[in-house]
C-alpha atoms as a PDB file:
ATOM      1  CA  MET A   1      -2.172  10.702   8.749  1.00  0.00           C
ATOM      2  CA  ALA A   2      -5.239   8.470   8.742  1.00  0.00           C
ATOM      3  CA  PHE A   3      -3.041   5.437   9.438  1.00  0.00           C
ATOM      4  CA  ASP A   4      -1.397   7.248  12.375  1.00  0.00           C
ATOM      5  CA  ASN A   5      -4.843   8.193  13.703  1.00  0.00           C
ATOM      6  CA  ARG A   6      -5.921   4.524  13.492  1.00  0.00           C
ATOM      7  CA  GLU A   7      -8.506   5.363  10.840  1.00  0.00           C
ATOM      8  CA  HIS A   8      -7.576   2.271   8.890  1.00  0.00           C
ATOM      9  CA  ALA A   9     -10.552   2.165   6.532  1.00  0.00           C
ATOM     10  CA  VAL A  10      -9.872   5.769   5.527  1.00  0.00           C
ATOM     11  CA  ALA A  11      -6.140   5.068   5.157  1.00  0.00           C
ATOM     12  CA  LEU A  12      -6.747   2.038   2.941  1.00  0.00           C
ATOM     13  CA  ASN A  13      -9.152   4.025   0.782  1.00  0.00           C
ATOM     14  CA  ARG A  14      -6.574   6.784   0.354  1.00  0.00           C
ATOM     15  CA  PHE A  15      -3.783   4.326  -0.385  1.00  0.00           C
ATOM     16  CA  ASN A  16      -5.937   2.706  -3.078  1.00  0.00           C
ATOM     17  CA  THR A  17      -6.911   6.098  -4.481  1.00  0.00           C
ATOM     18  CA  ALA A  18      -3.242   7.076  -4.757  1.00  0.00           C
ATOM     19  CA  VAL A  19      -1.685   3.834  -6.006  1.00  0.00           C
ATOM     20  CA  LYS A  20      -3.966   3.342  -9.016  1.00  0.00           C
ATOM     21  CA  PRO A  21      -3.049   6.566 -10.849  1.00  0.00           C
ATOM     22  CA  ALA A  22       0.603   6.253  -9.799  1.00  0.00           C
ATOM     23  CA  ALA A  23       0.777   2.776 -11.308  1.00  0.00           C
ATOM     24  CA  GLY A  24      -1.191   3.898 -14.358  1.00  0.00           C
ATOM     25  CA  ALA A  25       1.279   6.726 -14.926  1.00  0.00           C
ATOM     26  CA  GLY A  26       4.190   4.308 -14.672  1.00  0.00           C
ATOM     27  CA  ASP A  27       5.582   5.975 -11.546  1.00  0.00           C
ATOM     28  CA  ALA A  28       7.303   2.893 -10.133  1.00  0.00           C
ATOM     29  CA  PRO A  29       8.976   4.603  -7.139  1.00  0.00           C
ATOM     30  CA  LEU A  30       5.721   6.147  -5.931  1.00  0.00           C
ATOM     31  CA  SER A  31       3.711   2.984  -6.600  1.00  0.00           C
ATOM     32  CA  GLY A  32       6.258   0.897  -4.724  1.00  0.00           C
ATOM     33  CA  HIS A  33       6.285   3.317  -1.809  1.00  0.00           C
ATOM     34  CA  LEU A  34       2.498   3.277  -1.547  1.00  0.00           C
ATOM     35  CA  LEU A  35       2.385  -0.522  -1.718  1.00  0.00           C
ATOM     36  CA  ARG A  36       5.046  -0.684   0.985  1.00  0.00           C
ATOM     37  CA  ALA A  37       2.860   1.532   3.173  1.00  0.00           C
ATOM     38  CA  MET A  38      -0.136  -0.700   2.458  1.00  0.00           C
ATOM     39  CA  ALA A  39       1.907  -3.761   3.437  1.00  0.00           C
ATOM     40  CA  HIS A  40       2.901  -2.020   6.659  1.00  0.00           C
ATOM     41  CA  GLN A  41      -0.744  -1.342   7.452  1.00  0.00           C
ATOM     42  CA  ALA A  42      -1.743  -4.938   6.692  1.00  0.00           C
ATOM     43  CA  LEU A  43       0.997  -6.248   8.956  1.00  0.00           C
ATOM     44  CA  TYR A  44       0.005  -3.822  11.720  1.00  0.00           C
ATOM     45  CA  LEU A  45      -3.580  -5.095  11.491  1.00  0.00           C
ATOM     46  CA  GLY A  46      -2.476  -8.726  11.662  1.00  0.00           C
ATOM     47  CA  PHE A  47      -2.947  -9.655   7.998  1.00  0.00           C
ATOM     48  CA  ARG A  48       0.459 -11.299   7.613  1.00  0.00           C
ATOM     49  CA  ARG A  49      -0.132 -13.217   4.405  1.00  0.00           C
ATOM     50  CA  GLU A  50      -1.638 -10.182   2.679  1.00  0.00           C
ATOM     51  CA  ALA A  51       1.189  -7.974   3.953  1.00  0.00           C
ATOM     52  CA  LEU A  52       3.762 -10.319   2.443  1.00  0.00           C
ATOM     53  CA  GLN A  53       1.949 -10.432  -0.896  1.00  0.00           C
ATOM     54  CA  VAL A  54       1.661  -6.643  -1.131  1.00  0.00           C
ATOM     55  CA  ALA A  55       5.295  -6.204  -0.077  1.00  0.00           C
ATOM     56  CA  GLN A  56       6.413  -8.662  -2.756  1.00  0.00           C
ATOM     57  CA  HIS A  57       4.394  -6.792  -5.365  1.00  0.00           C
ATOM     58  CA  SER A  58       5.999  -3.523  -4.305  1.00  0.00           C
ATOM     59  CA  VAL A  59       9.492  -4.965  -4.787  1.00  0.00           C
ATOM     60  CA  HIS A  60       8.866  -6.891  -8.004  1.00  0.00           C
ATOM     61  CA  GLY A  61       6.961  -4.136  -9.768  1.00  0.00           C
ATOM     62  CA  GLU A  62       3.632  -5.967  -9.948  1.00  0.00           C
ATOM     63  CA  ARG A  63       1.535  -2.870  -9.479  1.00  0.00           C
END
């Protein structure tokens, strides 16, 4: 919801808060989904290189 409200700092904080325990628990589908959302946000904000890196990590399991 923060992303949709253009509260990007809040959204990034929440993404980071969620992805760390998901990755730590070995929940690959959730971790990948969160990283995909983070890549989407980075692309939306114009950070193309970072978006590509995060998207690649989400696909290749580098969480």
